[in-house]
């Protein structure tokens, strides 16, 4: 088995992974960049695994700033250009292995080849980062970077197991105090004159982009509205019918022309994952729009579709736990490289 560098991912990926790689490539192309793929090959079987390697740089329109991936770590100060291995930082890292292949040796070969690629170019980069690794991938990455003073940041990702046959069943599974809280939040949302409807992301990405920028600005790393519009358009184009976009409109907007909040959900087989959300904070103040939009309505739809898990993402963990979520541990590993601190 050996690893090679390619501009194209091999045809060993499942449909969901393939679409995500296409989305990432288009997002990078909009920023004038392109990713590469480390491909593991078997002499008798051809490609057996792939690891994406993505260049990232300011203004971070295609990918989140490493400060966000590393949950605000001050170690990222001065990091301008680098690369992400495994994902673009918004979803857990992917090291794809062909079904029927022993995964351990393939993943180890891919990760080592990816790290070798990075170290060969370390004088040109401020950092390299393996975003959001599960425990198995973390165990494989740790020996590669142990001598390089890595920054390790543990994150917890919230998800709701979809084990209910109805939203009423979800409510019944909560404690009495939680049920009362959820019902109160739903009533407050409705009494604020707000409603949620599904919209076509491909048709609405331009008007949703400012709402996404509002949320990103809270972390002081926001790009331009056009960059966020391109990001949303890329999701719509590449993930296509695997996405659901829910938007909030006021009852005083019967034609649904001016969204005040939205979320995008990626339906990946039996797992539904929130990709992003945006909001007009002033218009939705006090209406509990966040959990109505990112939890209650998506959960109702996920139950109806027979999904197995609704992934709510990182952040606001205590509040998500209070609404029936569980936690999955993920760890991001970053290493400062030769260009860090230079001009």
C-alpha atoms as a PDB file:
ATOM      1  CA  UNK A   1       0.000   0.000   0.000  1.00  0.00           C
ATOM      2  CA  UNK A   2       1.252   3.487  -0.803  1.00  0.00           C
ATOM      3  CA  UNK A   3      -0.127   7.014  -0.882  1.00  0.00           C
ATOM      4  CA  UNK A   4      -0.130   9.489  -3.745  1.00  0.00           C
ATOM      5  CA  UNK A   5      -1.241  13.074  -4.174  1.00  0.00           C
ATOM      6  CA  UNK A   6      -4.096  13.772  -6.557  1.00  0.00           C
ATOM      7  CA  UNK A   7      -6.279  16.621  -7.750  1.00  0.00           C
ATOM      8  CA  UNK A   8      -9.285  14.300  -7.840  1.00  0.00           C
ATOM      9  CA  UNK A   9     -10.823  12.041  -5.230  1.00  0.00           C
ATOM     10  CA  UNK A  10     -11.240   8.416  -6.356  1.00  0.00           C
ATOM     11  CA  UNK A  11     -14.650   6.903  -6.953  1.00  0.00           C
ATOM     12  CA  UNK A  12     -14.665   5.004  -3.672  1.00  0.00           C
ATOM     13  CA  UNK A  13     -16.683   7.531  -1.713  1.00  0.00           C
ATOM     14  CA  UNK A  14     -20.312   7.213  -0.742  1.00  0.00           C
ATOM     15  CA  UNK A  15     -22.732   9.693  -2.248  1.00  0.00           C
ATOM     16  CA  UNK A  16     -22.880  11.907   0.849  1.00  0.00           C
ATOM     17  CA  UNK A  17     -19.094  12.118   1.235  1.00  0.00           C
ATOM     18  CA  UNK A  18     -18.674  12.752  -2.491  1.00  0.00           C
ATOM     19  CA  UNK A  19     -21.115  15.652  -2.395  1.00  0.00           C
ATOM     20  CA  UNK A  20     -19.392  17.159   0.621  1.00  0.00           C
ATOM     21  CA  UNK A  21     -16.040  17.038  -1.173  1.00  0.00           C
ATOM     22  CA  UNK A  22     -17.602  18.716  -4.204  1.00  0.00           C
ATOM     23  CA  UNK A  23     -19.038  21.433  -1.960  1.00  0.00           C
ATOM     24  CA  UNK A  24     -15.671  22.030  -0.318  1.00  0.00           C
ATOM     25  CA  UNK A  25     -13.914  22.202  -3.674  1.00  0.00           C
ATOM     26  CA  UNK A  26     -16.373  24.765  -4.990  1.00  0.00           C
ATOM     27  CA  UNK A  27     -16.085  26.858  -1.847  1.00  0.00           C
ATOM     28  CA  UNK A  28     -12.314  26.898  -2.242  1.00  0.00           C
ATOM     29  CA  UNK A  29     -12.589  27.707  -5.939  1.00  0.00           C
ATOM     30  CA  UNK A  30     -14.701  30.761  -5.093  1.00  0.00           C
ATOM     31  CA  UNK A  31     -11.806  31.887  -2.872  1.00  0.00           C
ATOM     32  CA  UNK A  32      -9.262  31.271  -5.633  1.00  0.00           C
ATOM     33  CA  UNK A  33      -7.863  28.119  -4.024  1.00  0.00           C
ATOM     34  CA  UNK A  34      -8.014  24.374  -4.579  1.00  0.00           C
ATOM     35  CA  UNK A  35      -7.670  21.319  -2.384  1.00  0.00           C
ATOM     36  CA  UNK A  36      -5.657  18.162  -2.927  1.00  0.00           C
ATOM     37  CA  UNK A  37      -6.349  14.552  -2.049  1.00  0.00           C
ATOM     38  CA  UNK A  38      -3.980  12.046  -0.522  1.00  0.00           C
ATOM     39  CA  UNK A  39      -4.993   8.687  -1.998  1.00  0.00           C
ATOM     40  CA  UNK A  40      -4.025   5.280  -0.604  1.00  0.00           C
ATOM     41  CA  UNK A  41      -3.676   2.596  -3.248  1.00  0.00           C
ATOM     42  CA  UNK A  42      -3.374  -1.162  -3.135  1.00  0.00           C
ATOM     43  CA  UNK A  43      -1.410  -2.784  -5.940  1.00  0.00           C
ATOM     44  CA  UNK A  44      -4.153  -5.288  -6.614  1.00  0.00           C
ATOM     45  CA  UNK A  45      -7.227  -3.260  -5.779  1.00  0.00           C
ATOM     46  CA  UNK A  46      -6.551   0.331  -6.819  1.00  0.00           C
ATOM     47  CA  UNK A  47      -7.634   3.248  -4.593  1.00  0.00           C
ATOM     48  CA  UNK A  48      -8.672   2.167  -1.101  1.00  0.00           C
ATOM     49  CA  UNK A  49      -8.757   5.452   0.839  1.00  0.00           C
ATOM     50  CA  UNK A  50      -8.661   9.227   0.564  1.00  0.00           C
ATOM     51  CA  UNK A  51      -7.791  12.154   2.842  1.00  0.00           C
ATOM     52  CA  UNK A  52      -8.652  15.701   1.684  1.00  0.00           C
ATOM     53  CA  UNK A  53      -6.073  18.429   2.336  1.00  0.00           C
ATOM     54  CA  UNK A  54      -7.361  21.992   2.080  1.00  0.00           C
ATOM     55  CA  UNK A  55      -5.406  25.263   1.956  1.00  0.00           C
ATOM     56  CA  UNK A  56      -6.983  28.049   4.005  1.00  0.00           C
ATOM     57  CA  UNK A  57      -6.136  31.714   4.378  1.00  0.00           C
ATOM     58  CA  UNK A  58      -7.606  35.062   5.312  1.00  0.00           C
ATOM     59  CA  UNK A  59     -10.332  36.256   4.932  1.00  0.00           C
ATOM     60  CA  UNK A  60     -11.526  32.685   5.675  1.00  0.00           C
ATOM     61  CA  UNK A  61     -14.625  32.745   3.497  1.00  0.00           C
ATOM     62  CA  UNK A  62     -14.424  29.084   2.452  1.00  0.00           C
ATOM     63  CA  UNK A  63     -13.597  27.813   5.935  1.00  0.00           C
ATOM     64  CA  UNK A  64     -13.852  29.070   9.514  1.00  0.00           C
ATOM     65  CA  UNK A  65     -10.890  30.853  11.069  1.00  0.00           C
ATOM     66  CA  UNK A  66      -8.784  28.434  13.148  1.00  0.00           C
ATOM     67  CA  UNK A  67      -9.766  30.452  16.219  1.00  0.00           C
ATOM     68  CA  UNK A  68     -13.322  29.155  15.750  1.00  0.00           C
ATOM     69  CA  UNK A  69     -12.218  25.576  15.143  1.00  0.00           C
ATOM     70  CA  UNK A  70     -10.064  25.752  18.284  1.00  0.00           C
ATOM     71  CA  UNK A  71     -12.805  27.348  20.386  1.00  0.00           C
ATOM     72  CA  UNK A  72     -11.125  30.720  20.804  1.00  0.00           C
ATOM     73  CA  UNK A  73      -7.589  29.506  21.540  1.00  0.00           C
ATOM     74  CA  UNK A  74      -5.112  32.394  21.765  1.00  0.00           C
ATOM     75  CA  UNK A  75      -2.517  30.153  20.098  1.00  0.00           C
ATOM     76  CA  UNK A  76      -4.075  31.122  16.763  1.00  0.00           C
ATOM     77  CA  UNK A  77      -2.980  34.757  17.032  1.00  0.00           C
ATOM     78  CA  UNK A  78      -1.123  35.727  13.877  1.00  0.00           C
ATOM     79  CA  UNK A  79      -2.146  32.629  11.951  1.00  0.00           C
ATOM     80  CA  UNK A  80      -2.905  33.774   8.419  1.00  0.00           C
ATOM     81  CA  UNK A  81      -2.351  30.835   6.099  1.00  0.00           C
ATOM     82  CA  UNK A  82      -2.352  27.113   6.705  1.00  0.00           C
ATOM     83  CA  UNK A  83      -4.177  23.940   5.853  1.00  0.00           C
ATOM     84  CA  UNK A  84      -6.926  21.747   7.225  1.00  0.00           C
ATOM     85  CA  UNK A  85      -6.647  17.981   6.880  1.00  0.00           C
ATOM     86  CA  UNK A  86      -9.815  15.897   6.783  1.00  0.00           C
ATOM     87  CA  UNK A  87     -12.410  18.658   6.542  1.00  0.00           C
ATOM     88  CA  UNK A  88     -12.826  22.388   6.034  1.00  0.00           C
ATOM     89  CA  UNK A  89     -13.427  22.811   9.750  1.00  0.00           C
ATOM     90  CA  UNK A  90     -17.218  22.958   9.899  1.00  0.00           C
ATOM     91  CA  UNK A  91     -17.771  19.200  10.094  1.00  0.00           C
ATOM     92  CA  UNK A  92     -15.849  16.318  11.678  1.00  0.00           C
ATOM     93  CA  UNK A  93     -12.741  15.181   9.826  1.00  0.00           C
ATOM     94  CA  UNK A  94     -13.226  12.517   7.181  1.00  0.00           C
ATOM     95  CA  UNK A  95     -10.703   9.856   6.270  1.00  0.00           C
ATOM     96  CA  UNK A  96     -12.634   7.738   3.786  1.00  0.00           C
ATOM     97  CA  UNK A  97     -11.859   4.032   3.388  1.00  0.00           C
ATOM     98  CA  UNK A  98     -13.378   1.758   0.777  1.00  0.00           C
ATOM     99  CA  UNK A  99     -15.965  -0.641   2.254  1.00  0.00           C
ATOM    100  CA  UNK A 100     -14.559  -4.096   2.861  1.00  0.00           C
ATOM    101  CA  UNK A 101     -11.034  -2.770   3.472  1.00  0.00           C
ATOM    102  CA  UNK A 102      -9.339  -3.016   6.879  1.00  0.00           C
ATOM    103  CA  UNK A 103      -9.599   0.650   7.937  1.00  0.00           C
ATOM    104  CA  UNK A 104      -6.770   0.967  10.485  1.00  0.00           C
ATOM    105  CA  UNK A 105      -3.729   0.586   8.197  1.00  0.00           C
ATOM    106  CA  UNK A 106      -5.342   2.657   5.432  1.00  0.00           C
ATOM    107  CA  UNK A 107      -6.134   5.554   7.758  1.00  0.00           C
ATOM    108  CA  UNK A 108      -2.654   5.441   9.267  1.00  0.00           C
ATOM    109  CA  UNK A 109      -1.036   5.572   5.817  1.00  0.00           C
ATOM    110  CA  UNK A 110      -3.242   8.451   4.690  1.00  0.00           C
ATOM    111  CA  UNK A 111      -2.668  10.527   7.812  1.00  0.00           C
ATOM    112  CA  UNK A 112       1.102  10.030   7.695  1.00  0.00           C
ATOM    113  CA  UNK A 113       1.233  10.960   4.012  1.00  0.00           C
ATOM    114  CA  UNK A 114      -0.918  14.024   4.659  1.00  0.00           C
ATOM    115  CA  UNK A 115       1.299  15.130   7.529  1.00  0.00           C
ATOM    116  CA  UNK A 116       4.430  14.568   5.433  1.00  0.00           C
ATOM    117  CA  UNK A 117       2.922  16.771   2.743  1.00  0.00           C
ATOM    118  CA  UNK A 118       2.331  19.532   5.286  1.00  0.00           C
ATOM    119  CA  UNK A 119       5.796  19.375   6.818  1.00  0.00           C
ATOM    120  CA  UNK A 120       7.402  19.611   3.369  1.00  0.00           C
ATOM    121  CA  UNK A 121       5.684  22.987   2.980  1.00  0.00           C
ATOM    122  CA  UNK A 122       5.941  24.135   6.591  1.00  0.00           C
ATOM    123  CA  UNK A 123       8.065  27.183   5.728  1.00  0.00           C
ATOM    124  CA  UNK A 124       5.115  28.542   3.705  1.00  0.00           C
ATOM    125  CA  UNK A 125       2.427  27.915   6.332  1.00  0.00           C
ATOM    126  CA  UNK A 126       1.512  29.373   9.704  1.00  0.00           C
ATOM    127  CA  UNK A 127      -0.313  26.262  10.878  1.00  0.00           C
ATOM    128  CA  UNK A 128      -1.783  22.887  10.056  1.00  0.00           C
ATOM    129  CA  UNK A 129      -4.944  21.597  11.682  1.00  0.00           C
ATOM    130  CA  UNK A 130      -6.801  18.295  11.889  1.00  0.00           C
ATOM    131  CA  UNK A 131     -10.304  19.585  12.740  1.00  0.00           C
ATOM    132  CA  UNK A 132     -12.818  17.778  14.900  1.00  0.00           C
ATOM    133  CA  UNK A 133     -11.353  14.290  15.222  1.00  0.00           C
ATOM    134  CA  UNK A 134     -13.231  11.445  16.849  1.00  0.00           C
ATOM    135  CA  UNK A 135     -11.312   9.392  19.404  1.00  0.00           C
ATOM    136  CA  UNK A 136     -10.175   6.816  16.826  1.00  0.00           C
ATOM    137  CA  UNK A 137      -8.694   9.405  14.471  1.00  0.00           C
ATOM    138  CA  UNK A 138      -7.194  11.321  17.393  1.00  0.00           C
ATOM    139  CA  UNK A 139      -5.294   8.187  18.433  1.00  0.00           C
ATOM    140  CA  UNK A 140      -3.890   7.916  14.902  1.00  0.00           C
ATOM    141  CA  UNK A 141      -2.942  11.603  14.587  1.00  0.00           C
ATOM    142  CA  UNK A 142      -1.376  12.128  18.021  1.00  0.00           C
ATOM    143  CA  UNK A 143       1.882  10.208  17.371  1.00  0.00           C
ATOM    144  CA  UNK A 144       2.432  12.125  14.122  1.00  0.00           C
ATOM    145  CA  UNK A 145       2.459  15.532  15.819  1.00  0.00           C
ATOM    146  CA  UNK A 146       3.674  14.658  19.323  1.00  0.00           C
ATOM    147  CA  UNK A 147       7.093  16.263  18.811  1.00  0.00           C
ATOM    148  CA  UNK A 148       5.707  19.488  17.326  1.00  0.00           C
ATOM    149  CA  UNK A 149       4.108  21.134  20.379  1.00  0.00           C
ATOM    150  CA  UNK A 150       0.540  20.610  19.154  1.00  0.00           C
ATOM    151  CA  UNK A 151      -2.463  22.593  20.337  1.00  0.00           C
ATOM    152  CA  UNK A 152      -5.243  20.197  21.341  1.00  0.00           C
ATOM    153  CA  UNK A 153      -8.728  21.545  21.943  1.00  0.00           C
ATOM    154  CA  UNK A 154     -11.509  19.232  22.997  1.00  0.00           C
ATOM    155  CA  UNK A 155     -14.968  20.091  21.742  1.00  0.00           C
ATOM    156  CA  UNK A 156     -18.304  18.563  22.531  1.00  0.00           C
ATOM    157  CA  UNK A 157     -20.882  18.200  19.795  1.00  0.00           C
ATOM    158  CA  UNK A 158     -24.527  17.973  20.785  1.00  0.00           C
ATOM    159  CA  UNK A 159     -26.959  15.599  19.122  1.00  0.00           C
ATOM    160  CA  UNK A 160     -30.472  14.347  19.772  1.00  0.00           C
ATOM    161  CA  UNK A 161     -30.996  10.605  19.214  1.00  0.00           C
ATOM    162  CA  UNK A 162     -34.187  10.270  17.177  1.00  0.00           C
ATOM    163  CA  UNK A 163     -35.805   7.423  19.079  1.00  0.00           C
ATOM    164  CA  UNK A 164     -39.329   8.834  19.077  1.00  0.00           C
ATOM    165  CA  UNK A 165     -42.234   8.144  16.728  1.00  0.00           C
ATOM    166  CA  UNK A 166     -43.623  11.675  17.051  1.00  0.00           C
ATOM    167  CA  UNK A 167     -42.781  15.091  18.472  1.00  0.00           C
ATOM    168  CA  UNK A 168     -45.277  14.330  21.228  1.00  0.00           C
ATOM    169  CA  UNK A 169     -43.162  11.271  22.016  1.00  0.00           C
ATOM    170  CA  UNK A 170     -40.084  13.494  22.266  1.00  0.00           C
ATOM    171  CA  UNK A 171     -41.905  15.763  24.708  1.00  0.00           C
ATOM    172  CA  UNK A 172     -43.119  12.799  26.741  1.00  0.00           C
ATOM    173  CA  UNK A 173     -39.519  11.586  27.116  1.00  0.00           C
ATOM    174  CA  UNK A 174     -38.470  14.878  28.775  1.00  0.00           C
ATOM    175  CA  UNK A 175     -38.877  15.788  32.412  1.00  0.00           C
ATOM    176  CA  UNK A 176     -41.929  17.807  33.391  1.00  0.00           C
ATOM    177  CA  UNK A 177     -39.902  21.004  33.766  1.00  0.00           C
ATOM    178  CA  UNK A 178     -38.312  20.511  30.339  1.00  0.00           C
ATOM    179  CA  UNK A 179     -41.691  19.886  28.717  1.00  0.00           C
ATOM    180  CA  UNK A 180     -43.044  23.084  30.207  1.00  0.00           C
ATOM    181  CA  UNK A 181     -39.988  25.034  29.029  1.00  0.00           C
ATOM    182  CA  UNK A 182     -40.210  23.689  25.467  1.00  0.00           C
ATOM    183  CA  UNK A 183     -43.924  24.403  25.225  1.00  0.00           C
ATOM    184  CA  UNK A 184     -43.386  27.910  26.592  1.00  0.00           C
ATOM    185  CA  UNK A 185     -40.694  28.570  23.992  1.00  0.00           C
ATOM    186  CA  UNK A 186     -42.963  27.351  21.222  1.00  0.00           C
ATOM    187  CA  UNK A 187     -45.805  29.573  22.455  1.00  0.00           C
ATOM    188  CA  UNK A 188     -43.500  32.593  22.743  1.00  0.00           C
ATOM    189  CA  UNK A 189     -42.284  32.026  19.189  1.00  0.00           C
ATOM    190  CA  UNK A 190     -45.815  31.902  17.826  1.00  0.00           C
ATOM    191  CA  UNK A 191     -47.016  34.862  19.888  1.00  0.00           C
ATOM    192  CA  UNK A 192     -44.119  36.920  18.497  1.00  0.00           C
ATOM    193  CA  UNK A 193     -45.768  36.554  15.109  1.00  0.00           C
ATOM    194  CA  UNK A 194     -43.138  34.225  13.669  1.00  0.00           C
ATOM    195  CA  UNK A 195     -43.417  31.057  11.630  1.00  0.00           C
ATOM    196  CA  UNK A 196     -41.029  28.544  10.036  1.00  0.00           C
ATOM    197  CA  UNK A 197     -41.323  27.364   6.460  1.00  0.00           C
ATOM    198  CA  UNK A 198     -39.053  25.377   4.162  1.00  0.00           C
ATOM    199  CA  UNK A 199     -37.497  27.377   1.332  1.00  0.00           C
ATOM    200  CA  UNK A 200     -35.250  26.615  -1.629  1.00  0.00           C
ATOM    201  CA  UNK A 201     -31.697  27.479  -0.631  1.00  0.00           C
ATOM    202  CA  UNK A 202     -30.670  27.844  -4.268  1.00  0.00           C
ATOM    203  CA  UNK A 203     -33.303  30.559  -4.749  1.00  0.00           C
ATOM    204  CA  UNK A 204     -32.810  32.396  -1.433  1.00  0.00           C
ATOM    205  CA  UNK A 205     -29.066  32.263  -0.725  1.00  0.00           C
ATOM    206  CA  UNK A 206     -28.509  35.950  -1.511  1.00  0.00           C
ATOM    207  CA  UNK A 207     -31.060  37.195   1.011  1.00  0.00           C
ATOM    208  CA  UNK A 208     -30.014  34.662   3.659  1.00  0.00           C
ATOM    209  CA  UNK A 209     -26.324  35.587   3.490  1.00  0.00           C
ATOM    210  CA  UNK A 210     -26.608  38.782   5.620  1.00  0.00           C
ATOM    211  CA  UNK A 211     -28.266  36.742   8.378  1.00  0.00           C
ATOM    212  CA  UNK A 212     -25.380  34.278   8.389  1.00  0.00           C
ATOM    213  CA  UNK A 213     -22.919  37.157   8.522  1.00  0.00           C
ATOM    214  CA  UNK A 214     -24.733  38.552  11.579  1.00  0.00           C
ATOM    215  CA  UNK A 215     -24.005  35.342  13.472  1.00  0.00           C
ATOM    216  CA  UNK A 216     -20.401  35.072  12.266  1.00  0.00           C
ATOM    217  CA  UNK A 217     -19.711  38.677  13.288  1.00  0.00           C
ATOM    218  CA  UNK A 218     -20.231  37.700  16.911  1.00  0.00           C
ATOM    219  CA  UNK A 219     -16.890  35.880  16.645  1.00  0.00           C
ATOM    220  CA  UNK A 220     -15.120  38.777  14.914  1.00  0.00           C
ATOM    221  CA  UNK A 221     -14.139  36.736  11.845  1.00  0.00           C
ATOM    222  CA  UNK A 222     -16.961  37.581   9.431  1.00  0.00           C
ATOM    223  CA  UNK A 223     -16.384  37.674   5.700  1.00  0.00           C
ATOM    224  CA  UNK A 224     -18.396  39.713   3.229  1.00  0.00           C
ATOM    225  CA  UNK A 225     -22.047  39.158   2.376  1.00  0.00           C
ATOM    226  CA  UNK A 226     -21.024  38.028  -1.115  1.00  0.00           C
ATOM    227  CA  UNK A 227     -18.669  35.425   0.335  1.00  0.00           C
ATOM    228  CA  UNK A 228     -21.426  33.996   2.513  1.00  0.00           C
ATOM    229  CA  UNK A 229     -23.824  34.023  -0.434  1.00  0.00           C
ATOM    230  CA  UNK A 230     -21.277  32.000  -2.407  1.00  0.00           C
ATOM    231  CA  UNK A 231     -20.892  29.607   0.528  1.00  0.00           C
ATOM    232  CA  UNK A 232     -24.649  29.004   0.684  1.00  0.00           C
ATOM    233  CA  UNK A 233     -24.920  28.702  -3.089  1.00  0.00           C
ATOM    234  CA  UNK A 234     -22.162  26.095  -3.003  1.00  0.00           C
ATOM    235  CA  UNK A 235     -24.093  24.031  -0.455  1.00  0.00           C
ATOM    236  CA  UNK A 236     -27.249  24.252  -2.552  1.00  0.00           C
ATOM    237  CA  UNK A 237     -25.432  23.330  -5.746  1.00  0.00           C
ATOM    238  CA  UNK A 238     -23.304  20.449  -4.488  1.00  0.00           C
ATOM    239  CA  UNK A 239     -25.447  18.877  -1.762  1.00  0.00           C
ATOM    240  CA  UNK A 240     -28.647  19.466  -3.705  1.00  0.00           C
ATOM    241  CA  UNK A 241     -31.580  17.361  -2.588  1.00  0.00           C
ATOM    242  CA  UNK A 242     -29.731  16.286   0.564  1.00  0.00           C
ATOM    243  CA  UNK A 243     -30.271  19.726   2.101  1.00  0.00           C
ATOM    244  CA  UNK A 244     -33.242  21.258   3.843  1.00  0.00           C
ATOM    245  CA  UNK A 245     -33.355  25.012   4.403  1.00  0.00           C
ATOM    246  CA  UNK A 246     -35.765  26.285   7.049  1.00  0.00           C
ATOM    247  CA  UNK A 247     -36.436  30.009   7.302  1.00  0.00           C
ATOM    248  CA  UNK A 248     -38.321  32.176   9.773  1.00  0.00           C
ATOM    249  CA  UNK A 249     -40.745  34.823   8.544  1.00  0.00           C
ATOM    250  CA  UNK A 250     -43.041  37.241  10.305  1.00  0.00           C
ATOM    251  CA  UNK A 251     -46.798  36.908  10.132  1.00  0.00           C
ATOM    252  CA  UNK A 252     -46.719  40.474   8.773  1.00  0.00           C
ATOM    253  CA  UNK A 253     -44.880  39.060   5.743  1.00  0.00           C
ATOM    254  CA  UNK A 254     -47.521  36.736   4.243  1.00  0.00           C
ATOM    255  CA  UNK A 255     -45.602  36.301   0.987  1.00  0.00           C
ATOM    256  CA  UNK A 256     -42.430  35.210   2.828  1.00  0.00           C
ATOM    257  CA  UNK A 257     -40.243  37.827   1.193  1.00  0.00           C
ATOM    258  CA  UNK A 258     -38.032  38.894   4.119  1.00  0.00           C
ATOM    259  CA  UNK A 259     -36.517  36.050   6.191  1.00  0.00           C
ATOM    260  CA  UNK A 260     -35.415  36.964   9.710  1.00  0.00           C
ATOM    261  CA  UNK A 261     -33.583  33.713  10.522  1.00  0.00           C
ATOM    262  CA  UNK A 262     -32.684  30.451   8.820  1.00  0.00           C
ATOM    263  CA  UNK A 263     -30.828  27.185   9.158  1.00  0.00           C
ATOM    264  CA  UNK A 264     -29.457  24.686   6.658  1.00  0.00           C
ATOM    265  CA  UNK A 265     -29.643  20.967   7.427  1.00  0.00           C
ATOM    266  CA  UNK A 266     -27.603  18.320   5.647  1.00  0.00           C
ATOM    267  CA  UNK A 267     -29.498  15.033   5.496  1.00  0.00           C
ATOM    268  CA  UNK A 268     -26.630  12.531   5.426  1.00  0.00           C
ATOM    269  CA  UNK A 269     -28.208   9.083   5.299  1.00  0.00           C
ATOM    270  CA  UNK A 270     -29.826   8.660   8.729  1.00  0.00           C
ATOM    271  CA  UNK A 271     -27.916  11.573  10.271  1.00  0.00           C
ATOM    272  CA  UNK A 272     -29.247  15.124   9.954  1.00  0.00           C
ATOM    273  CA  UNK A 273     -26.609  17.767  10.628  1.00  0.00           C
ATOM    274  CA  UNK A 274     -27.083  21.508  11.049  1.00  0.00           C
ATOM    275  CA  UNK A 275     -24.580  23.190   8.726  1.00  0.00           C
ATOM    276  CA  UNK A 276     -25.127  26.825   9.669  1.00  0.00           C
ATOM    277  CA  UNK A 277     -27.682  29.285  10.888  1.00  0.00           C
ATOM    278  CA  UNK A 278     -28.289  33.002  10.520  1.00  0.00           C
ATOM    279  CA  UNK A 279     -30.437  35.499  12.360  1.00  0.00           C
ATOM    280  CA  UNK A 280     -31.676  39.068  12.621  1.00  0.00           C
ATOM    281  CA  UNK A 281     -31.153  39.370  16.366  1.00  0.00           C
ATOM    282  CA  UNK A 282     -33.232  42.510  16.745  1.00  0.00           C
ATOM    283  CA  UNK A 283     -36.256  41.126  14.913  1.00  0.00           C
ATOM    284  CA  UNK A 284     -36.239  37.814  16.812  1.00  0.00           C
ATOM    285  CA  UNK A 285     -35.321  39.129  20.283  1.00  0.00           C
ATOM    286  CA  UNK A 286     -37.186  37.356  23.070  1.00  0.00           C
ATOM    287  CA  UNK A 287     -38.946  34.938  20.706  1.00  0.00           C
ATOM    288  CA  UNK A 288     -36.794  31.842  21.355  1.00  0.00           C
ATOM    289  CA  UNK A 289     -36.203  31.626  17.606  1.00  0.00           C
ATOM    290  CA  UNK A 290     -32.939  29.717  18.026  1.00  0.00           C
ATOM    291  CA  UNK A 291     -34.290  26.490  19.494  1.00  0.00           C
ATOM    292  CA  UNK A 292     -37.537  26.604  17.547  1.00  0.00           C
ATOM    293  CA  UNK A 293     -35.477  26.830  14.368  1.00  0.00           C
ATOM    294  CA  UNK A 294     -32.485  24.577  15.054  1.00  0.00           C
ATOM    295  CA  UNK A 295     -34.077  21.953  17.308  1.00  0.00           C
ATOM    296  CA  UNK A 296     -37.850  21.684  17.523  1.00  0.00           C
ATOM    297  CA  UNK A 297     -38.836  22.009  13.868  1.00  0.00           C
ATOM    298  CA  UNK A 298     -35.856  19.999  12.515  1.00  0.00           C
ATOM    299  CA  UNK A 299     -36.560  17.286  15.072  1.00  0.00           C
ATOM    300  CA  UNK A 300     -40.203  17.101  14.009  1.00  0.00           C
ATOM    301  CA  UNK A 301     -39.104  16.691  10.387  1.00  0.00           C
ATOM    302  CA  UNK A 302     -36.365  14.185  11.261  1.00  0.00           C
ATOM    303  CA  UNK A 303     -38.851  12.021  13.145  1.00  0.00           C
ATOM    304  CA  UNK A 304     -41.195  12.065  10.168  1.00  0.00           C
ATOM    305  CA  UNK A 305     -38.369  11.089   7.804  1.00  0.00           C
ATOM    306  CA  UNK A 306     -37.139   8.206   9.960  1.00  0.00           C
ATOM    307  CA  UNK A 307     -33.744   9.764  10.697  1.00  0.00           C
ATOM    308  CA  UNK A 308     -31.635   8.324  13.510  1.00  0.00           C
ATOM    309  CA  UNK A 309     -29.809  11.386  14.811  1.00  0.00           C
ATOM    310  CA  UNK A 310     -30.112  15.183  14.678  1.00  0.00           C
ATOM    311  CA  UNK A 311     -26.698  16.809  15.155  1.00  0.00           C
ATOM    312  CA  UNK A 312     -27.013  20.290  16.683  1.00  0.00           C
ATOM    313  CA  UNK A 313     -23.296  21.103  16.638  1.00  0.00           C
ATOM    314  CA  UNK A 314     -21.043  22.770  19.173  1.00  0.00           C
ATOM    315  CA  UNK A 315     -21.795  25.711  21.427  1.00  0.00           C
ATOM    316  CA  UNK A 316     -24.699  26.408  23.816  1.00  0.00           C
ATOM    317  CA  UNK A 317     -24.179  22.891  25.139  1.00  0.00           C
ATOM    318  CA  UNK A 318     -25.899  23.305  28.484  1.00  0.00           C
ATOM    319  CA  UNK A 319     -28.978  24.678  26.770  1.00  0.00           C
ATOM    320  CA  UNK A 320     -28.963  21.828  24.256  1.00  0.00           C
ATOM    321  CA  UNK A 321     -28.603  19.254  27.029  1.00  0.00           C
ATOM    322  CA  UNK A 322     -31.625  20.860  28.638  1.00  0.00           C
ATOM    323  CA  UNK A 323     -33.609  19.980  25.527  1.00  0.00           C
ATOM    324  CA  UNK A 324     -32.728  16.297  25.455  1.00  0.00           C
ATOM    325  CA  UNK A 325     -29.397  16.330  23.615  1.00  0.00           C
ATOM    326  CA  UNK A 326     -26.428  14.061  24.274  1.00  0.00           C
ATOM    327  CA  UNK A 327     -22.746  14.860  23.707  1.00  0.00           C
ATOM    328  CA  UNK A 328     -20.037  13.446  21.449  1.00  0.00           C
ATOM    329  CA  UNK A 329     -16.393  14.332  22.130  1.00  0.00           C
ATOM    330  CA  UNK A 330     -14.317  15.680  19.239  1.00  0.00           C
ATOM    331  CA  UNK A 331     -10.746  16.989  19.403  1.00  0.00           C
ATOM    332  CA  UNK A 332      -9.080  19.458  17.048  1.00  0.00           C
ATOM    333  CA  UNK A 333      -5.307  19.228  16.734  1.00  0.00           C
ATOM    334  CA  UNK A 334      -3.278  22.145  15.368  1.00  0.00           C
ATOM    335  CA  UNK A 335       0.451  22.712  14.998  1.00  0.00           C
ATOM    336  CA  UNK A 336       2.147  26.110  14.490  1.00  0.00           C
ATOM    337  CA  UNK A 337       4.535  25.940  11.554  1.00  0.00           C
ATOM    338  CA  UNK A 338       7.550  27.776  10.198  1.00  0.00           C
ATOM    339  CA  UNK A 339       5.839  30.861   8.796  1.00  0.00           C
ATOM    340  CA  UNK A 340       3.987  31.687  12.026  1.00  0.00           C
ATOM    341  CA  UNK A 341       4.963  35.081  13.381  1.00  0.00           C
ATOM    342  CA  UNK A 342       6.788  36.148  10.220  1.00  0.00           C
ATOM    343  CA  UNK A 343       5.805  38.747   7.684  1.00  0.00           C
END
